[in-house]
Structures are given as C-alpha cells and as structure tokens.
Amino acid sequence: MAENSKPLISGFLMGTQLLELNGCTRCKECMNWCPTYAARPDRPEITPMYKIAKFRELLDSQYGLRAKLFGPKPLNEDEMTRYTEDSYYCTTCGVCGTVCESAILTVELWEAIRPNLVARGNGPYGKQNMFPKLVAADRNPYMAKQEDRLCWVPKDAKVDESGKIAYFAGCTAAYRQQALGVATVRVLNALNTDFCMLGKDEWCCASAMIRTGQRPLMKEHAVHNIDALKDRGAEKVLYACAGCLRAATIDWPRWYEGYIPYKNMPLSVFLREKIRNGDVQYRRNINYKVTYHDPCHNGRHLMHVNGRDWAFEAPRDVVQSIPGIQFSDMARSRELQRCCGAGGGVKAGIPDLANDCAANRVRDVEGSASDIVASTCPFCRRNLMDGRNLIKSPIKILDVVELMAQGMGLDVTIPENPYTKFQEQDTIVCQDVCKLDTVTQKEKTDDIGEY
C-alpha cells in the first residue's frame, strides 16, 4: 500500500454482514421504493444495490485475493469521497430491507458501514460532524440547559420524582415541540396515571450518533439513561418520540452490560389500552379528515421486535377513536410507507434532499384527501412541515397525542419559558369549534436537526 494511503477497515461489520455484501442479486427492487432515489433519480449510485456493490469492490481492493498476494491497492481519495457522499444520501429508513429479495438487513448494514468511513476520516457528512460536540457539551443537540428539561410542564400538572411508569420526553419535545410534551402530560394526568420524568437526568437518546456512524458517545448516554430510569424505579417507560423509542429498544442494550428491568412502550400503545378499558372520555369532535404517517423508527425498525400491532395499528386505533375524525390511509403505509426524509442524518447533512423527500410524502398525504397527517415522531413532523412549505400545501402536521388531548377537552397551553420563542409547529386549537393553526418561530436558531 502507498505510504500515505489510509486503509478502509471493516471492523464494524459482523461476519454475516460481510456475507450480505455478496448476497445482493441486483434485482433492482430496492430502486423502486427508495425515497432518496425518488427525489434524486439522476443518482442511481445512492441506491442500495450500487452502494453494496461499491463497498464490496473497495473491501476487495484491500482484503481480496489479489490484495493478499500482491498487497492492497491504494485507495483513490476522490473515489472515497464520492462513495461517502453516496452512503450518506440515505435516511436509513429500511424500506430496501423490507422489499429485498435476498432478505439483507439493510438498516443494520448501513449503520455498520458508516463507522468504518468515520474511522477512516471520510465520514460523517456535512453538519453531521457537529452532533457529538453539541451533545457532549449540553447532553442535547439544541445547546439548551439541562436544568430546563421540564420548563414546559404546566405548574398544575402532576409529575412524580419516581415511579413504576416513566415518560421519556426526548430533546425535541422538551425544547422545540413543547406542544407534544404538554399534551402528553395533560393526557396522562387526565387518565389518573402516576408517572415520573427524569428532568435534568434525561440525556439525549444519542440516536443521531448511531445513524451517522459516530459511535463513541453512544455508550455514555445509553448507560446514563438506563441507570437513571432504573434509579427512578421504572418498570414501564413511555416514548412519544419514535427516534428515542428505537434507540432505547435496540441501541442502548447493545452498550449496556447490566440487567434492564423495565419495558419500553410506545405511548400510543399505552393510550390504546386506556381507550379499550373505557378510561378515556372524549368531550369534543375533531371534524377533520386525517391520515397517519408511519415513522420508520417505530415502524420498519421495530416491527420485528415489538410486532406489527404495536408498530402500525396502535397509533391508528388511537386516531380512529377520536370522535369526528374521518380516517383514511395513504397508498404507501405501514412497512411500505415513504420515509419523510429526515432520518439517517440527512436533515442535517443534506437538508435540500430531506425537504424534497418530505415534499413527496406530503403529496402522498394530498392523495389521501386528508386535512391533517398525524404521526408519532417529532422529526417527521418537523421535516414534513418543511416539505409542506416547499410545495405550498395546506396540509397540517400534528402528533397523535395532541389530537387526543384536544378531543378530551384538555388545556394544552404551553407555559411561557426560555424556549417558547423557538417553538414552530402546527397546532389544533379548540374552543367552540376546532381550528388548525401554525405557531411561528419568533427567533431563528442554527438547529441542525437531531437525525
């Protein structure tokens, strides 16, 4: 190898993943479903089939038979730069794995390839390299104060210091989409559910670091959050953020060496149980046409862990329980849904691609003739709003629990706090009738997005 040529390592890939690199049959089915290729049809090299073939070629140049006999070939730096860009033009949504004829676990494969690129110095991409610095400094990606984690909780709300049920709010609900946090607390209180929150002891779930191949910080955050939940006596942890739920369910246990005594549960599943038990009393009709967007992290990423019912049906059941709502699914839904475009670091690294993917998803919403698209992911919501604005669509994007809170007639006013000026979200305001509105951010920030 040339003296100045840095090697490409494969140490973050498991043996089965090395075999998967040879398993692609080049059937091109993934190209029919890939959301980033749909937004960039002039770039086939960003699709799974091409990325797998190229990475296999790069590894062969370093470790193949010819390399063993004559030594590895020096890697072309321009070629490595291009491949890195191609690799990060991916939201890690996982639809390619769902339709893969060879059953390649593509999400795990992409998340194993990226750390090798980071180790070589090629990755991450764009502003993604700011994630570790921000999160290590503040334990959240918004440069916000940890002591303000619960600044949005209404003074008359009841939140315990410890208990069997915990609500893990996540950074976005705490600092940028506080309407989601307020609605969640109000609904849990109305259902007489005793629950605790971690407050300043809640650190970022660190999902962004995993998705972009920047792993070193992950263990510290995983261990801290699990220990904090254990110290509070949690037996069931509720998540209203799909990204936090995915990280807590799949990623944290990989870095935690002890026993985890609690069960992670989507908030929608918990709420559906209460609805079925007759504990929910609705007081208003929400007279709108609503569809549901499946977050990749709660859907495809977890459907084989939690089951399809938790992943796909629970949030739909909650939406359809609200009086007045006319529900219809989009043409692409559940395991075949189209990603919003924010995941895998794309929102921070390639924002124009994220917006174009979101615009395509908003067009799917328009095809369902809906007024509102509901979801259970704050970052889907943020990116879909950007896509909506890009194509000037009238569609509004809300969270499932916010619709439920308004149907229950609850006061979801956000108390004035240091981050009120940074709020930007669609809302539903109900007095005599319910009306859709948008809260406009009063002060702009340099937020790079969490995923």
Protein backbone atom coordinates (compact mmCIF):
# COMPACT_ATOMS: atom_id res chain seq x y z
CA MET A 1 0.00 0.00 0.00
CA ALA A 2 1.20 3.51 -0.72
CA GLU A 3 2.80 5.15 2.30
CA ASN A 4 0.19 7.89 2.65
CA SER A 5 -2.87 5.79 1.79
CA LYS A 6 -5.18 5.18 4.72
CA PRO A 7 -6.79 1.72 4.78
CA LEU A 8 -10.52 1.10 4.75
CA ILE A 9 -11.34 -1.07 7.75
CA SER A 10 -14.25 -3.48 8.05
CA GLY A 11 -14.14 -3.89 11.80
CA PHE A 12 -17.63 -2.59 12.49
CA LEU A 13 -19.24 -5.23 10.25
CA MET A 14 -20.20 -8.64 11.57
CA GLY A 15 -19.29 -11.76 9.63
CA THR A 16 -22.88 -12.20 8.48
CA GLN A 17 -22.85 -8.64 7.08
CA LEU A 18 -19.74 -9.41 5.07
CA LEU A 19 -21.70 -12.30 3.59
CA GLU A 20 -24.64 -9.99 2.88
CA LEU A 21 -22.36 -7.87 0.70
CA ASN A 22 -22.20 -10.90 -1.60
CA GLY A 23 -25.91 -11.66 -1.25
CA CYS A 24 -27.31 -8.86 -3.41
CA THR A 25 -28.80 -10.33 -6.59
CA ARG A 26 -29.04 -6.89 -8.31
CA CYS A 27 -32.76 -7.36 -8.87
CA LYS A 28 -33.25 -3.56 -8.54
CA GLU A 29 -36.42 -3.93 -6.44
CA CYS A 30 -34.96 -1.55 -3.84
CA MET A 31 -34.71 1.16 -6.50
CA ASN A 32 -38.48 1.09 -6.93
CA TRP A 33 -39.03 2.05 -3.28
CA CYS A 34 -36.02 4.14 -2.18
CA PRO A 35 -37.26 7.62 -1.10
CA THR A 36 -33.95 9.38 -1.75
CA TYR A 37 -33.65 7.89 -5.25
CA ALA A 38 -37.22 9.05 -5.94
CA ALA A 39 -36.05 12.56 -5.05
CA ARG A 40 -32.75 12.21 -6.94
CA PRO A 41 -33.49 9.90 -9.92
CA ASP A 42 -30.31 11.07 -11.65
CA ARG A 43 -28.17 9.43 -8.95
CA PRO A 44 -28.56 5.62 -9.08
CA GLU A 45 -25.27 5.27 -7.17
CA ILE A 46 -27.08 6.26 -3.95
CA THR A 47 -29.36 3.22 -4.10
CA PRO A 48 -28.73 0.07 -2.03
CA MET A 49 -27.73 -2.11 -4.97
CA TYR A 50 -24.98 0.25 -6.08
CA LYS A 51 -23.76 1.05 -2.55
CA ILE A 52 -23.37 -2.62 -1.71
CA ALA A 53 -21.51 -3.36 -4.95
CA LYS A 54 -19.14 -0.42 -4.48
CA PHE A 55 -18.35 -1.18 -0.85
CA ARG A 56 -17.64 -4.79 -1.76
CA GLU A 57 -15.28 -3.57 -4.50
CA LEU A 58 -13.50 -1.26 -2.05
CA LEU A 59 -13.05 -4.02 0.52
CA ASP A 60 -11.80 -6.44 -2.13
CA SER A 61 -9.13 -3.95 -3.11
CA GLN A 62 -7.88 -4.07 0.48
CA TYR A 63 -8.53 -7.65 1.59
CA GLY A 64 -9.33 -9.74 -1.53
CA LEU A 65 -7.20 -12.46 -3.05
CA ARG A 66 -5.17 -10.05 -5.16
CA ALA A 67 -4.51 -7.90 -2.08
CA LYS A 68 -3.29 -10.95 -0.16
CA LEU A 69 -0.90 -11.92 -2.98
CA PHE A 70 0.40 -8.51 -4.06
CA GLY A 71 -0.68 -6.16 -1.29
CA PRO A 72 -3.69 -3.82 -1.08
CA LYS A 73 -4.17 -1.17 -3.74
CA PRO A 74 -4.00 2.48 -2.61
CA LEU A 75 -7.50 3.89 -2.35
CA ASN A 76 -8.39 6.78 -4.59
CA GLU A 77 -9.37 9.66 -2.31
CA ASP A 78 -11.77 11.20 -4.80
CA GLU A 79 -13.46 7.83 -5.13
CA MET A 80 -13.71 7.51 -1.34
CA THR A 81 -15.20 10.99 -1.09
CA ARG A 82 -17.82 10.13 -3.70
CA TYR A 83 -18.69 6.85 -2.01
CA THR A 84 -19.01 8.57 1.36
CA GLU A 85 -21.44 11.07 -0.11
CA ASP A 86 -23.41 8.26 -1.76
CA SER A 87 -23.52 6.38 1.54
CA TYR A 88 -24.89 9.37 3.45
CA TYR A 89 -27.54 10.11 0.80
CA CYS A 90 -29.65 7.61 2.73
CA THR A 91 -32.19 8.09 5.51
CA THR A 92 -31.65 4.51 6.77
CA CYS A 93 -35.42 4.16 6.51
CA GLY A 94 -35.21 0.42 5.83
CA VAL A 95 -37.75 0.04 3.04
CA CYS A 96 -34.99 -1.53 0.92
CA GLY A 97 -34.69 -4.28 3.51
CA THR A 98 -38.44 -4.81 3.56
CA VAL A 99 -38.57 -5.47 -0.19
CA CYS A 100 -35.14 -7.15 -0.51
CA GLU A 101 -35.40 -10.48 -2.34
CA SER A 102 -32.24 -11.65 -0.52
CA ALA A 103 -33.51 -10.58 2.93
CA ILE A 104 -30.47 -8.34 3.52
CA LEU A 105 -30.82 -6.43 6.79
CA THR A 106 -30.01 -3.14 5.15
CA VAL A 107 -30.54 -0.77 8.10
CA GLU A 108 -28.01 -2.70 10.18
CA LEU A 109 -25.68 -2.87 7.17
CA TRP A 110 -25.71 0.89 6.53
CA GLU A 111 -25.19 1.59 10.21
CA ALA A 112 -22.19 -0.77 10.20
CA ILE A 113 -20.64 0.67 7.03
CA ARG A 114 -20.72 4.29 8.19
CA PRO A 115 -18.48 3.87 11.28
CA ASN A 116 -15.79 2.44 9.01
CA LEU A 117 -15.98 5.57 6.87
CA VAL A 118 -15.82 7.73 10.00
CA ALA A 119 -12.81 5.78 11.29
CA ARG A 120 -11.01 6.44 8.03
CA GLY A 121 -11.81 10.15 8.20
CA ASN A 122 -14.28 10.26 5.30
CA GLY A 123 -17.47 10.45 7.31
CA PRO A 124 -19.71 11.87 8.65
CA TYR A 125 -21.21 14.20 6.06
CA GLY A 126 -21.79 17.92 6.24
CA LYS A 127 -23.01 19.34 9.54
CA GLN A 128 -23.43 15.84 10.97
CA ASN A 129 -19.96 16.19 12.47
CA MET A 130 -21.41 18.71 14.94
CA PHE A 131 -23.61 16.10 16.66
CA PRO A 132 -21.03 14.70 19.11
CA LYS A 133 -19.71 18.12 20.09
CA LEU A 134 -23.17 19.53 20.78
CA VAL A 135 -24.46 16.51 22.64
CA ALA A 136 -21.30 16.01 24.69
CA ALA A 137 -21.35 19.65 25.77
CA ASP A 138 -25.04 20.03 26.62
CA ARG A 139 -26.45 16.44 26.62
CA ASN A 140 -28.90 17.64 23.95
CA PRO A 141 -28.46 18.85 20.35
CA TYR A 142 -30.09 22.26 20.87
CA MET A 143 -27.47 23.98 23.07
CA ALA A 144 -30.18 24.17 25.74
CA LYS A 145 -29.77 23.95 29.51
CA GLN A 146 -30.34 20.56 31.09
CA GLU A 147 -31.96 22.17 34.12
CA ASP A 148 -34.65 23.46 31.73
CA ARG A 149 -35.71 19.96 30.62
CA LEU A 150 -39.08 20.35 32.37
CA CYS A 151 -39.56 24.10 31.95
CA TRP A 152 -42.59 23.43 29.74
CA VAL A 153 -44.54 21.38 32.30
CA PRO A 154 -47.64 23.33 33.49
CA LYS A 155 -47.49 24.26 37.19
CA ASP A 156 -50.75 22.47 37.92
CA ALA A 157 -49.59 19.23 36.25
CA LYS A 158 -48.60 16.27 38.40
CA VAL A 159 -45.24 14.67 37.65
CA ASP A 160 -43.66 12.38 40.24
CA GLU A 161 -39.97 12.12 41.12
CA SER A 162 -40.04 8.34 40.79
CA GLY A 163 -42.49 5.60 39.95
CA LYS A 164 -43.27 2.47 38.01
CA ILE A 165 -44.22 4.40 34.86
CA ALA A 166 -41.80 6.90 33.33
CA TYR A 167 -42.28 9.26 30.40
CA PHE A 168 -39.09 9.82 28.38
CA ALA A 169 -39.89 13.07 26.57
CA GLY A 170 -36.82 13.44 24.34
CA CYS A 171 -34.93 16.60 23.40
CA THR A 172 -37.32 17.85 20.73
CA ALA A 173 -40.45 17.79 22.89
CA ALA A 174 -38.50 19.43 25.72
CA TYR A 175 -37.10 22.32 23.70
CA ARG A 176 -38.61 22.67 20.22
CA GLN A 177 -42.06 20.99 20.07
CA GLN A 178 -43.34 21.58 23.56
CA ALA A 179 -46.95 21.21 22.47
CA LEU A 180 -46.25 17.47 22.28
CA GLY A 181 -44.84 17.39 25.81
CA VAL A 182 -47.70 19.41 27.30
CA ALA A 183 -50.34 17.27 25.56
CA THR A 184 -48.70 14.07 26.80
CA VAL A 185 -48.55 15.24 30.42
CA ARG A 186 -52.14 16.51 30.29
CA VAL A 187 -53.46 13.24 28.86
CA LEU A 188 -51.58 11.11 31.41
CA ASN A 189 -52.86 13.29 34.24
CA ALA A 190 -56.44 13.11 32.91
CA LEU A 191 -56.17 9.32 32.89
CA ASN A 192 -55.02 9.36 36.55
CA THR A 193 -51.73 7.77 35.55
CA ASP A 194 -48.96 8.22 38.09
CA PHE A 195 -45.73 8.76 36.20
CA CYS A 196 -42.29 10.25 36.64
CA MET A 197 -39.83 12.03 34.37
CA LEU A 198 -36.05 12.23 34.52
CA GLY A 199 -35.81 16.00 34.14
CA LYS A 200 -32.17 17.13 34.03
CA ASP A 201 -31.14 13.48 34.32
CA GLU A 202 -32.67 12.76 30.90
CA TRP A 203 -29.89 12.87 28.32
CA CYS A 204 -30.26 12.78 24.55
CA CYS A 205 -31.04 9.28 23.31
CA ALA A 206 -27.99 9.69 21.00
CA SER A 207 -29.85 8.23 18.03
CA ALA A 208 -28.13 10.70 15.71
CA MET A 209 -24.70 9.35 16.58
CA ILE A 210 -25.69 5.79 15.69
CA ARG A 211 -27.33 6.74 12.41
CA THR A 212 -24.30 8.75 11.25
CA GLY A 213 -21.62 6.28 12.34
CA GLN A 214 -20.30 8.36 15.25
CA ARG A 215 -20.46 5.76 17.98
CA PRO A 216 -18.08 6.69 20.83
CA LEU A 217 -20.59 8.89 22.71
CA MET A 218 -23.35 6.30 22.49
CA LYS A 219 -22.25 4.11 25.38
CA GLU A 220 -22.04 7.00 27.84
CA HIS A 221 -25.58 8.16 27.02
CA ALA A 222 -27.06 4.66 26.91
CA VAL A 223 -25.62 3.71 30.29
CA HIS A 224 -26.60 7.01 31.88
CA ASN A 225 -30.22 6.92 30.71
CA ILE A 226 -30.76 3.26 31.61
CA ASP A 227 -29.26 3.76 35.07
CA ALA A 228 -31.36 6.90 35.59
CA LEU A 229 -34.55 5.03 34.70
CA LYS A 230 -33.58 2.14 36.98
CA ASP A 231 -32.86 4.56 39.84
CA ARG A 232 -36.36 6.03 39.48
CA GLY A 233 -37.89 2.57 39.84
CA ALA A 234 -39.31 2.44 36.32
CA GLU A 235 -40.99 -0.76 35.18
CA LYS A 236 -42.59 0.72 32.04
CA VAL A 237 -41.12 3.60 30.01
CA LEU A 238 -43.35 5.51 27.58
CA TYR A 239 -42.00 7.23 24.47
CA ALA A 240 -43.82 9.77 22.30
CA CYS A 241 -40.74 10.05 20.06
CA ALA A 242 -40.08 7.24 17.58
CA GLY A 243 -36.35 8.03 17.45
CA CYS A 244 -35.96 7.77 21.23
CA LEU A 245 -38.01 4.56 21.26
CA ARG A 246 -35.82 2.96 18.59
CA ALA A 247 -32.60 3.97 20.36
CA ALA A 248 -33.84 2.79 23.75
CA THR A 249 -35.13 -0.54 22.43
CA ILE A 250 -32.39 -1.59 20.01
CA ASP A 251 -29.31 0.58 20.55
CA TRP A 252 -29.00 1.18 24.29
CA PRO A 253 -28.98 -2.52 25.28
CA ARG A 254 -26.01 -3.13 22.95
CA TRP A 255 -23.89 -0.82 25.09
CA TYR A 256 -25.33 -1.75 28.49
CA GLU A 257 -23.84 -4.70 30.32
CA GLY A 258 -26.31 -4.97 33.18
CA TYR A 259 -29.91 -6.05 33.60
CA ILE A 260 -32.61 -3.76 32.23
CA PRO A 261 -35.71 -4.23 34.41
CA TYR A 262 -38.18 -2.03 32.56
CA LYS A 263 -40.18 -2.45 29.33
CA ASN A 264 -40.14 0.18 26.60
CA MET A 265 -43.56 1.03 25.19
CA PRO A 266 -44.82 3.44 22.52
CA LEU A 267 -47.12 6.00 24.10
CA SER A 268 -49.80 5.12 21.53
CA VAL A 269 -49.89 1.53 22.80
CA PHE A 270 -50.37 2.68 26.38
CA LEU A 271 -53.13 5.10 25.35
CA ARG A 272 -54.90 2.45 23.30
CA GLU A 273 -55.05 0.23 26.40
CA LYS A 274 -56.74 3.06 28.29
CA ILE A 275 -59.20 3.62 25.44
CA ARG A 276 -60.10 -0.06 25.32
CA ASN A 277 -60.57 -0.12 29.10
CA GLY A 278 -63.06 2.74 28.86
CA ASP A 279 -60.84 5.19 30.77
CA VAL A 280 -60.84 7.88 28.07
CA GLN A 281 -63.67 10.37 27.97
CA TYR A 282 -63.89 12.49 24.83
CA ARG A 283 -65.66 15.84 25.02
CA ARG A 284 -65.11 17.32 21.56
CA ASN A 285 -65.45 16.27 17.96
CA ILE A 286 -62.39 16.76 15.77
CA ASN A 287 -64.15 17.21 12.45
CA TYR A 288 -61.24 16.75 10.07
CA LYS A 289 -60.02 14.20 7.57
CA VAL A 290 -56.88 12.59 9.00
CA THR A 291 -54.27 10.17 7.73
CA TYR A 292 -51.31 8.63 9.56
CA HIS A 293 -47.61 8.70 8.65
CA ASP A 294 -45.64 5.72 9.96
CA PRO A 295 -42.26 6.82 11.35
CA CYS A 296 -39.50 4.49 10.11
CA HIS A 297 -38.05 4.14 13.62
CA ASN A 298 -41.28 2.98 15.22
CA GLY A 299 -42.42 1.02 12.17
CA ARG A 300 -39.95 -0.83 9.99
CA HIS A 301 -37.15 -0.60 12.56
CA LEU A 302 -39.23 -2.13 15.35
CA MET A 303 -41.92 -4.21 13.67
CA HIS A 304 -39.84 -7.39 14.08
CA VAL A 305 -39.07 -6.52 17.71
CA ASN A 306 -42.39 -5.23 19.05
CA GLY A 307 -44.71 -6.75 16.44
CA ARG A 308 -46.78 -5.18 13.71
CA ASP A 309 -49.66 -4.36 16.04
CA TRP A 310 -47.55 -2.07 18.22
CA ALA A 311 -45.65 -0.67 15.25
CA PHE A 312 -48.53 0.10 12.92
CA GLU A 313 -52.00 -0.48 14.35
CA ALA A 314 -51.89 1.10 17.82
CA PRO A 315 -51.48 4.73 16.66
CA ARG A 316 -54.16 4.24 14.01
CA ASP A 317 -56.53 2.84 16.62
CA VAL A 318 -55.95 5.90 18.83
CA VAL A 319 -56.63 8.32 15.96
CA GLN A 320 -59.78 6.48 14.92
CA SER A 321 -61.11 6.51 18.49
CA ILE A 322 -61.36 10.31 18.46
CA PRO A 323 -64.93 11.42 17.60
CA GLY A 324 -65.43 13.34 14.37
CA ILE A 325 -62.24 12.20 12.66
CA GLN A 326 -62.59 10.68 9.21
CA PHE A 327 -59.58 8.42 8.80
CA SER A 328 -58.03 7.06 5.62
CA ASP A 329 -54.62 5.52 4.93
CA MET A 330 -52.21 6.71 2.29
CA ALA A 331 -51.40 4.45 -0.65
CA ARG A 332 -47.98 3.79 0.89
CA SER A 333 -48.34 2.90 4.54
CA ARG A 334 -47.06 0.60 7.28
CA GLU A 335 -43.92 -1.33 6.22
CA LEU A 336 -44.08 0.14 2.71
CA GLN A 337 -44.54 3.77 3.72
CA ARG A 338 -42.41 6.51 2.17
CA CYS A 339 -39.85 7.97 4.59
CA CYS A 340 -40.28 11.65 5.46
CA GLY A 341 -36.62 12.22 4.52
CA ALA A 342 -35.21 13.43 7.86
CA GLY A 343 -33.57 10.24 9.14
CA GLY A 344 -30.05 8.91 8.91
CA GLY A 345 -28.56 12.37 9.39
CA VAL A 346 -29.98 13.61 6.08
CA LYS A 347 -31.83 16.53 7.68
CA ALA A 348 -28.57 17.93 9.00
CA GLY A 349 -26.19 16.75 6.29
CA ILE A 350 -28.23 17.23 3.10
CA PRO A 351 -31.23 19.44 4.03
CA ASP A 352 -32.35 20.03 0.44
CA LEU A 353 -32.65 16.27 -0.09
CA ALA A 354 -34.61 15.97 3.17
CA ASN A 355 -37.01 18.68 2.02
CA ASP A 356 -37.55 17.09 -1.39
CA CYS A 357 -38.29 13.70 0.21
CA ALA A 358 -40.73 15.41 2.58
CA ALA A 359 -42.45 17.13 -0.33
CA ASN A 360 -43.01 13.75 -1.96
CA ARG A 361 -44.53 12.43 1.26
CA VAL A 362 -46.81 15.46 1.55
CA ARG A 363 -48.02 14.70 -1.98
CA ASP A 364 -48.90 11.22 -0.69
CA VAL A 365 -50.95 12.91 2.06
CA GLU A 366 -52.72 15.05 -0.51
CA GLY A 367 -53.55 11.89 -2.44
CA SER A 368 -55.48 10.62 0.58
CA ALA A 369 -57.65 13.79 0.54
CA SER A 370 -56.75 14.48 4.19
CA ASP A 371 -56.59 17.80 6.05
CA ILE A 372 -54.17 16.52 8.68
CA VAL A 373 -51.37 13.98 8.73
CA ALA A 374 -50.74 12.65 12.24
CA SER A 375 -47.56 10.94 13.37
CA THR A 376 -45.64 9.85 16.46
CA CYS A 377 -42.25 11.30 15.55
CA PRO A 378 -41.26 14.93 16.20
CA PHE A 379 -38.67 14.88 13.44
CA CYS A 380 -41.06 13.50 10.87
CA ARG A 381 -43.31 16.36 11.88
CA ARG A 382 -40.56 18.97 11.53
CA ASN A 383 -39.44 17.72 8.13
CA LEU A 384 -42.95 17.23 6.78
CA MET A 385 -43.68 20.85 7.69
CA ASP A 386 -40.66 21.90 5.64
CA GLY A 387 -41.82 19.75 2.72
CA ARG A 388 -45.32 21.19 3.04
CA ASN A 389 -43.94 24.73 2.96
CA LEU A 390 -41.75 23.91 -0.04
CA ILE A 391 -44.73 22.96 -2.21
CA LYS A 392 -47.15 25.37 -0.51
CA SER A 393 -49.57 22.66 0.54
CA PRO A 394 -52.41 23.40 3.01
CA ILE A 395 -51.81 20.11 4.88
CA LYS A 396 -51.24 20.36 8.65
CA ILE A 397 -48.94 18.01 10.58
CA LEU A 398 -49.83 17.07 14.17
CA ASP A 399 -48.98 14.43 16.72
CA VAL A 400 -51.47 11.72 17.61
CA VAL A 401 -51.44 12.60 21.33
CA GLU A 402 -52.19 16.26 20.55
CA LEU A 403 -55.31 15.29 18.61
CA MET A 404 -56.33 13.06 21.50
CA ALA A 405 -55.76 15.83 24.08
CA GLN A 406 -57.99 18.23 22.16
CA GLY A 407 -60.65 15.55 21.76
CA MET A 408 -60.58 15.11 25.54
CA GLY A 409 -61.06 18.86 26.04
CA LEU A 410 -57.77 19.41 27.87
CA ASP A 411 -55.88 22.67 28.32
CA VAL A 412 -52.70 22.27 26.26
CA THR A 413 -51.39 25.81 26.60
CA ILE A 414 -47.58 25.92 26.72
CA PRO A 415 -46.41 27.88 29.78
CA GLU A 416 -44.06 30.76 28.99
CA ASN A 417 -40.47 29.53 29.24
CA PRO A 418 -36.99 30.26 27.84
CA TYR A 419 -37.74 28.22 24.70
CA THR A 420 -41.21 29.49 23.83
CA LYS A 421 -39.65 31.77 21.23
CA PHE A 422 -38.15 28.76 19.43
CA GLN A 423 -41.42 26.87 19.02
CA GLU A 424 -42.57 26.18 15.46
CA GLN A 425 -45.31 23.63 14.97
CA ASP A 426 -48.78 23.12 13.61
CA THR A 427 -51.46 23.17 16.28
CA ILE A 428 -55.14 22.43 16.66
CA VAL A 429 -56.98 24.97 18.80
CA CYS A 430 -60.42 24.02 20.07
CA GLN A 431 -62.93 26.35 21.66
CA ASP A 432 -66.49 26.15 20.33
CA VAL A 433 -65.03 24.61 17.18
CA CYS A 434 -61.59 23.24 16.37
CA LYS A 435 -59.34 25.19 14.04
CA LEU A 436 -55.92 24.42 12.60
CA ASP A 437 -53.12 26.92 13.02
CA THR A 438 -49.33 27.17 12.87
CA VAL A 439 -47.13 28.53 15.65
CA THR A 440 -44.41 30.62 14.02
CA GLN A 441 -40.92 30.66 15.49
CA LYS A 442 -40.17 34.11 16.92
CA GLU A 443 -36.40 33.72 16.93
CA LYS A 444 -34.43 31.71 14.41
CA THR A 445 -31.82 29.21 15.55
CA ASP A 446 -28.96 27.31 13.99
CA ASP A 447 -30.55 23.95 14.78
CA ILE A 448 -29.02 21.28 12.58
CA GLY A 449 -31.63 18.65 13.31
CA GLU A 450 -31.18 15.63 15.52
CA TYR A 451 -31.18 12.88 12.90
